[in-house]
Amino acid sequence: TPNEGKSTTISNLAVVMAQAGHKVLLMDCDMRNPTQHKLFKLTNKGLSNCISASEEVREVIQKTGIENLELLASGPVAPNPSELLGSKRMEQLLERLKPDYDYILIDTPPIMPVTDAAVLSGKVDGLVMLVSSGEVTPAAAKEAKQRLLQAGAHILGVILNKVELVHTHGYGYYYYYGSDSTSGGDVRR
């Protein structure tokens, strides 16, 4: 659903992967509510320009200022996002970009209100669902998963976001590795 933190989460993941030495392209495929260009303080020229106006993709990919991380912004809001994302041109664009990056991370709109994420899910190697704790019911999460599976998605996992941390007082667990002279072996406590 909207406002679960998907755009922030994927941009943070992209930064961490780039800092780990992987060449990463972050694509903003949320053509209804683009945010990645704002997070990185860049212009919103990008994907929709390439698909609908046939602009060269390499000319609209932007450096983020973070080594190994580039951004393909969504471009101007399109009147037909699902059609653009489901097009043969989008598929060709993804195939063309694959050899240049270790990872291509795609930010999509939420699965429940629109079909854009489902349309893309069959064109990628895998996806990670993001579910907001306390905001999304288990039934809604199952429905989202079902929609993705019906579209041919390969779900890699789930991120549970906005989990309220509870601080408790009590016993902690610790391990001590070493030699115990009485037992003649290693000890774990």
C-alpha atoms as a PDB file:
ATOM      1  CA  THR A   1       0.000   0.000   0.000  1.00  0.00           C
ATOM      2  CA  PRO A   2       1.140   3.630  -0.259  1.00  0.00           C
ATOM      3  CA  ASN A   3       3.496   5.129   2.352  1.00  0.00           C
ATOM      4  CA  GLU A   4       4.999   1.893   3.580  1.00  0.00           C
ATOM      5  CA  GLY A   5       8.553   3.115   2.986  1.00  0.00           C
ATOM      6  CA  LYS A   6       9.391   1.191  -0.185  1.00  0.00           C
ATOM      7  CA  SER A   7      11.212   4.059  -1.937  1.00  0.00           C
ATOM      8  CA  THR A   8      13.345   4.891   1.090  1.00  0.00           C
ATOM      9  CA  THR A   9      14.129   1.225   1.701  1.00  0.00           C
ATOM     10  CA  ILE A  10      15.185   0.495  -1.875  1.00  0.00           C
ATOM     11  CA  SER A  11      17.309   3.635  -2.114  1.00  0.00           C
ATOM     12  CA  ASN A  12      19.083   2.695   1.129  1.00  0.00           C
ATOM     13  CA  LEU A  13      19.622  -0.830  -0.184  1.00  0.00           C
ATOM     14  CA  ALA A  14      21.060   0.599  -3.420  1.00  0.00           C
ATOM     15  CA  VAL A  15      23.486   2.797  -1.471  1.00  0.00           C
ATOM     16  CA  VAL A  16      24.656  -0.082   0.730  1.00  0.00           C
ATOM     17  CA  MET A  17      25.165  -2.379  -2.262  1.00  0.00           C
ATOM     18  CA  ALA A  18      27.106   0.332  -4.125  1.00  0.00           C
ATOM     19  CA  GLN A  19      29.266   0.979  -1.063  1.00  0.00           C
ATOM     20  CA  ALA A  20      29.994  -2.759  -0.956  1.00  0.00           C
ATOM     21  CA  GLY A  21      31.565  -2.385  -4.410  1.00  0.00           C
ATOM     22  CA  HIS A  22      28.696  -3.537  -6.629  1.00  0.00           C
ATOM     23  CA  LYS A  23      27.779  -1.517  -9.719  1.00  0.00           C
ATOM     24  CA  VAL A  24      24.110  -0.648  -9.128  1.00  0.00           C
ATOM     25  CA  LEU A  25      21.410   1.018 -11.197  1.00  0.00           C
ATOM     26  CA  LEU A  26      18.371   2.240  -9.288  1.00  0.00           C
ATOM     27  CA  MET A  27      15.341   2.597 -11.561  1.00  0.00           C
ATOM     28  CA  ASP A  28      12.339   4.602 -10.471  1.00  0.00           C
ATOM     29  CA  CYS A  29       9.424   2.830 -12.142  1.00  0.00           C
ATOM     30  CA  ASP A  30       6.834   4.580 -10.001  1.00  0.00           C
ATOM     31  CA  MET A  31       5.575   6.797 -12.793  1.00  0.00           C
ATOM     32  CA  ARG A  32       2.549   7.804 -10.741  1.00  0.00           C
ATOM     33  CA  ASN A  33       4.469   9.183  -7.750  1.00  0.00           C
ATOM     34  CA  PRO A  34       8.182   9.390  -8.609  1.00  0.00           C
ATOM     35  CA  THR A  35      10.477  10.038  -5.642  1.00  0.00           C
ATOM     36  CA  GLN A  36      13.990   8.724  -6.325  1.00  0.00           C
ATOM     37  CA  HIS A  37      15.117  11.872  -8.147  1.00  0.00           C
ATOM     38  CA  LYS A  38      14.028  13.889  -5.093  1.00  0.00           C
ATOM     39  CA  LEU A  39      15.896  11.640  -2.652  1.00  0.00           C
ATOM     40  CA  PHE A  40      19.117  12.050  -4.655  1.00  0.00           C
ATOM     41  CA  LYS A  41      18.420  15.715  -5.573  1.00  0.00           C
ATOM     42  CA  LEU A  42      18.506  15.059  -9.327  1.00  0.00           C
ATOM     43  CA  THR A  43      16.273  15.922 -12.278  1.00  0.00           C
ATOM     44  CA  ASN A  44      13.291  13.789 -13.244  1.00  0.00           C
ATOM     45  CA  LYS A  45      14.292  13.051 -16.815  1.00  0.00           C
ATOM     46  CA  GLY A  46      14.399   9.334 -17.376  1.00  0.00           C
ATOM     47  CA  LEU A  47      12.464   6.177 -18.042  1.00  0.00           C
ATOM     48  CA  SER A  48       9.282   7.554 -19.603  1.00  0.00           C
ATOM     49  CA  ASN A  49      11.452   9.669 -21.929  1.00  0.00           C
ATOM     50  CA  CYS A  50      13.224   6.496 -23.111  1.00  0.00           C
ATOM     51  CA  ILE A  51      10.140   4.350 -23.587  1.00  0.00           C
ATOM     52  CA  SER A  52       7.700   6.841 -25.091  1.00  0.00           C
ATOM     53  CA  ALA A  53       9.999   9.415 -26.700  1.00  0.00           C
ATOM     54  CA  SER A  54      12.776   7.024 -27.753  1.00  0.00           C
ATOM     55  CA  GLU A  55      15.523   8.979 -25.996  1.00  0.00           C
ATOM     56  CA  GLU A  56      18.823   7.157 -25.518  1.00  0.00           C
ATOM     57  CA  VAL A  57      18.834   5.601 -22.041  1.00  0.00           C
ATOM     58  CA  ARG A  58      22.528   6.282 -21.434  1.00  0.00           C
ATOM     59  CA  GLU A  59      21.844  10.000 -21.861  1.00  0.00           C
ATOM     60  CA  VAL A  60      19.257  10.079 -19.059  1.00  0.00           C
ATOM     61  CA  ILE A  61      20.983   7.816 -16.517  1.00  0.00           C
ATOM     62  CA  GLN A  62      22.389  10.088 -13.817  1.00  0.00           C
ATOM     63  CA  LYS A  63      25.296   9.836 -11.405  1.00  0.00           C
ATOM     64  CA  THR A  64      24.098  10.008  -7.802  1.00  0.00           C
ATOM     65  CA  GLY A  65      27.305  11.231  -6.214  1.00  0.00           C
ATOM     66  CA  ILE A  66      27.750   7.820  -4.623  1.00  0.00           C
ATOM     67  CA  GLU A  67      30.419   5.687  -6.217  1.00  0.00           C
ATOM     68  CA  ASN A  68      28.990   2.705  -8.166  1.00  0.00           C
ATOM     69  CA  LEU A  69      25.387   3.987  -7.951  1.00  0.00           C
ATOM     70  CA  GLU A  70      23.485   5.465 -10.884  1.00  0.00           C
ATOM     71  CA  LEU A  71      19.836   6.473 -11.162  1.00  0.00           C
ATOM     72  CA  LEU A  72      17.350   6.132 -13.966  1.00  0.00           C
ATOM     73  CA  ALA A  73      14.587   8.465 -12.780  1.00  0.00           C
ATOM     74  CA  SER A  74      10.989   7.812 -13.817  1.00  0.00           C
ATOM     75  CA  GLY A  75      10.767  10.786 -16.131  1.00  0.00           C
ATOM     76  CA  PRO A  76       7.642  12.913 -16.550  1.00  0.00           C
ATOM     77  CA  VAL A  77       4.452  11.368 -15.200  1.00  0.00           C
ATOM     78  CA  ALA A  78       2.947   9.303 -18.004  1.00  0.00           C
ATOM     79  CA  PRO A  79      -0.776   8.962 -18.740  1.00  0.00           C
ATOM     80  CA  ASN A  80      -0.424   5.186 -19.224  1.00  0.00           C
ATOM     81  CA  PRO A  81       2.225   3.821 -16.787  1.00  0.00           C
ATOM     82  CA  SER A  82       1.073   0.180 -16.825  1.00  0.00           C
ATOM     83  CA  GLU A  83       1.199   0.072 -20.616  1.00  0.00           C
ATOM     84  CA  LEU A  84       4.677   1.608 -20.714  1.00  0.00           C
ATOM     85  CA  LEU A  85       6.049  -0.735 -18.045  1.00  0.00           C
ATOM     86  CA  GLY A  86       4.489  -3.771 -19.722  1.00  0.00           C
ATOM     87  CA  SER A  87       5.707  -2.832 -23.194  1.00  0.00           C
ATOM     88  CA  LYS A  88       8.206  -4.674 -25.340  1.00  0.00           C
ATOM     89  CA  ARG A  89      10.383  -1.536 -25.231  1.00  0.00           C
ATOM     90  CA  MET A  90      10.596  -1.786 -21.437  1.00  0.00           C
ATOM     91  CA  GLU A  91      11.618  -5.420 -21.693  1.00  0.00           C
ATOM     92  CA  GLN A  92      14.278  -4.542 -24.270  1.00  0.00           C
ATOM     93  CA  LEU A  93      15.524  -1.690 -22.104  1.00  0.00           C
ATOM     94  CA  LEU A  94      16.013  -4.011 -19.128  1.00  0.00           C
ATOM     95  CA  GLU A  95      17.857  -6.561 -21.267  1.00  0.00           C
ATOM     96  CA  ARG A  96      20.073  -3.837 -22.690  1.00  0.00           C
ATOM     97  CA  LEU A  97      21.015  -2.531 -19.230  1.00  0.00           C
ATOM     98  CA  LYS A  98      21.715  -5.906 -17.563  1.00  0.00           C
ATOM     99  CA  PRO A  99      25.305  -6.340 -18.808  1.00  0.00           C
ATOM    100  CA  ASP A 100      26.347  -2.927 -17.449  1.00  0.00           C
ATOM    101  CA  TYR A 101      25.378  -3.496 -13.812  1.00  0.00           C
ATOM    102  CA  ASP A 102      25.788  -6.086 -11.079  1.00  0.00           C
ATOM    103  CA  TYR A 103      22.315  -5.207  -9.803  1.00  0.00           C
ATOM    104  CA  ILE A 104      19.364  -3.278 -11.166  1.00  0.00           C
ATOM    105  CA  LEU A 105      16.989  -2.323  -8.362  1.00  0.00           C
ATOM    106  CA  ILE A 106      13.508  -1.205  -9.370  1.00  0.00           C
ATOM    107  CA  ASP A 107      11.231   0.979  -7.274  1.00  0.00           C
ATOM    108  CA  THR A 108       7.600   0.355  -8.221  1.00  0.00           C
ATOM    109  CA  PRO A 109       4.234   1.652  -7.076  1.00  0.00           C
ATOM    110  CA  PRO A 110       2.472  -0.401  -4.417  1.00  0.00           C
ATOM    111  CA  ILE A 111       0.902  -3.642  -5.698  1.00  0.00           C
ATOM    112  CA  MET A 112      -2.556  -3.202  -4.189  1.00  0.00           C
ATOM    113  CA  PRO A 113      -3.878   0.019  -5.766  1.00  0.00           C
ATOM    114  CA  VAL A 114      -2.386  -0.378  -9.291  1.00  0.00           C
ATOM    115  CA  THR A 115      -1.077  -3.150 -11.553  1.00  0.00           C
ATOM    116  CA  ASP A 116       2.337  -1.623 -12.385  1.00  0.00           C
ATOM    117  CA  ALA A 117       4.344  -3.800  -9.965  1.00  0.00           C
ATOM    118  CA  ALA A 118       2.601  -6.958 -11.158  1.00  0.00           C
ATOM    119  CA  VAL A 119       3.279  -6.026 -14.787  1.00  0.00           C
ATOM    120  CA  LEU A 120       7.002  -5.658 -14.041  1.00  0.00           C
ATOM    121  CA  SER A 121       7.283  -8.669 -11.742  1.00  0.00           C
ATOM    122  CA  GLY A 122       7.441 -11.156 -14.596  1.00  0.00           C
ATOM    123  CA  LYS A 123      10.248  -9.209 -16.312  1.00  0.00           C
ATOM    124  CA  VAL A 124      12.741  -9.264 -13.413  1.00  0.00           C
ATOM    125  CA  ASP A 125      14.873 -11.974 -11.831  1.00  0.00           C
ATOM    126  CA  GLY A 126      13.239 -11.594  -8.439  1.00  0.00           C
ATOM    127  CA  LEU A 127      11.458  -9.244  -6.084  1.00  0.00           C
ATOM    128  CA  VAL A 128      11.264  -8.415  -2.434  1.00  0.00           C
ATOM    129  CA  MET A 129       7.933  -7.451  -0.927  1.00  0.00           C
ATOM    130  CA  LEU A 130       7.865  -4.668   1.633  1.00  0.00           C
ATOM    131  CA  VAL A 131       5.100  -4.840   4.221  1.00  0.00           C
ATOM    132  CA  SER A 132       4.482  -2.204   6.858  1.00  0.00           C
ATOM    133  CA  SER A 133       3.967  -3.626  10.343  1.00  0.00           C
ATOM    134  CA  GLY A 134       0.649  -2.703  11.890  1.00  0.00           C
ATOM    135  CA  GLU A 135      -0.575  -0.993   8.719  1.00  0.00           C
ATOM    136  CA  VAL A 136      -1.085  -3.929   6.364  1.00  0.00           C
ATOM    137  CA  THR A 137      -3.331  -6.777   7.404  1.00  0.00           C
ATOM    138  CA  PRO A 138      -2.159 -10.358   6.898  1.00  0.00           C
ATOM    139  CA  ALA A 139      -5.041 -10.816   4.431  1.00  0.00           C
ATOM    140  CA  ALA A 140      -3.866  -7.830   2.349  1.00  0.00           C
ATOM    141  CA  ALA A 141      -0.272  -9.117   2.378  1.00  0.00           C
ATOM    142  CA  LYS A 142      -1.475 -12.534   1.188  1.00  0.00           C
ATOM    143  CA  GLU A 143      -3.552 -10.895  -1.563  1.00  0.00           C
ATOM    144  CA  ALA A 144      -0.512  -8.879  -2.714  1.00  0.00           C
ATOM    145  CA  LYS A 145       1.606 -12.035  -2.754  1.00  0.00           C
ATOM    146  CA  GLN A 146      -1.059 -13.877  -4.748  1.00  0.00           C
ATOM    147  CA  ARG A 147      -1.255 -11.095  -7.339  1.00  0.00           C
ATOM    148  CA  LEU A 148       2.505 -11.184  -7.788  1.00  0.00           C
ATOM    149  CA  LEU A 149       2.638 -14.972  -8.101  1.00  0.00           C
ATOM    150  CA  GLN A 150      -0.163 -14.914 -10.688  1.00  0.00           C
ATOM    151  CA  ALA A 151       1.921 -12.439 -12.687  1.00  0.00           C
ATOM    152  CA  GLY A 152       4.874 -14.849 -12.700  1.00  0.00           C
ATOM    153  CA  ALA A 153       6.931 -13.202  -9.957  1.00  0.00           C
ATOM    154  CA  HIS A 154       9.820 -14.907  -8.205  1.00  0.00           C
ATOM    155  CA  ILE A 155       9.503 -13.634  -4.630  1.00  0.00           C
ATOM    156  CA  LEU A 156      12.896 -13.621  -2.907  1.00  0.00           C
ATOM    157  CA  GLY A 157      11.638 -12.507   0.481  1.00  0.00           C
ATOM    158  CA  VAL A 158       9.775  -9.957   2.550  1.00  0.00           C
ATOM    159  CA  ILE A 159      10.929  -6.884   4.444  1.00  0.00           C
ATOM    160  CA  LEU A 160       8.812  -6.062   7.465  1.00  0.00           C
ATOM    161  CA  ASN A 161       9.065  -2.298   7.802  1.00  0.00           C
ATOM    162  CA  LYS A 162       8.064   0.116  10.567  1.00  0.00           C
ATOM    163  CA  VAL A 163       8.343  -2.489  13.302  1.00  0.00           C
ATOM    164  CA  GLU A 164       7.948  -0.894  16.698  1.00  0.00           C
ATOM    165  CA  LEU A 165      10.864  -1.853  18.880  1.00  0.00           C
ATOM    166  CA  VAL A 166       9.989  -2.746  22.435  1.00  0.00           C
ATOM    167  CA  HIS A 167      12.705  -2.299  25.015  1.00  0.00           C
ATOM    168  CA  THR A 168      12.552  -4.950  27.690  1.00  0.00           C
ATOM    169  CA  HIS A 169      14.545  -5.466  30.814  1.00  0.00           C
ATOM    170  CA  GLY A 170      15.669  -8.962  31.449  1.00  0.00           C
ATOM    171  CA  TYR A 171      18.274 -11.485  30.698  1.00  0.00           C
ATOM    172  CA  GLY A 172      20.443 -11.300  27.642  1.00  0.00           C
ATOM    173  CA  TYR A 173      22.130 -14.209  25.964  1.00  0.00           C
ATOM    174  CA  TYR A 174      25.828 -14.431  25.445  1.00  0.00           C
ATOM    175  CA  TYR A 175      28.266 -17.033  24.344  1.00  0.00           C
ATOM    176  CA  TYR A 176      31.733 -17.598  25.645  1.00  0.00           C
ATOM    177  CA  TYR A 177      34.050 -19.559  23.443  1.00  0.00           C
ATOM    178  CA  GLY A 178      37.177 -20.907  24.956  1.00  0.00           C
ATOM    179  CA  SER A 179      38.814 -23.836  26.571  1.00  0.00           C
ATOM    180  CA  ASP A 180      37.395 -25.389  29.730  1.00  0.00           C
ATOM    181  CA  SER A 181      40.138 -27.258  31.494  1.00  0.00           C
ATOM    182  CA  THR A 182      37.705 -29.437  33.453  1.00  0.00           C
ATOM    183  CA  SER A 183      35.936 -30.897  30.406  1.00  0.00           C
ATOM    184  CA  GLY A 184      38.904 -30.881  28.100  1.00  0.00           C
ATOM    185  CA  GLY A 185      36.960 -29.188  25.304  1.00  0.00           C
ATOM    186  CA  ASP A 186      35.374 -26.031  24.098  1.00  0.00           C
ATOM    187  CA  VAL A 187      32.619 -24.467  26.136  1.00  0.00           C
ATOM    188  CA  ARG A 188      29.577 -22.440  25.112  1.00  0.00           C
ATOM    189  CA  ARG A 189      27.751 -20.610  27.865  1.00  0.00           C
END
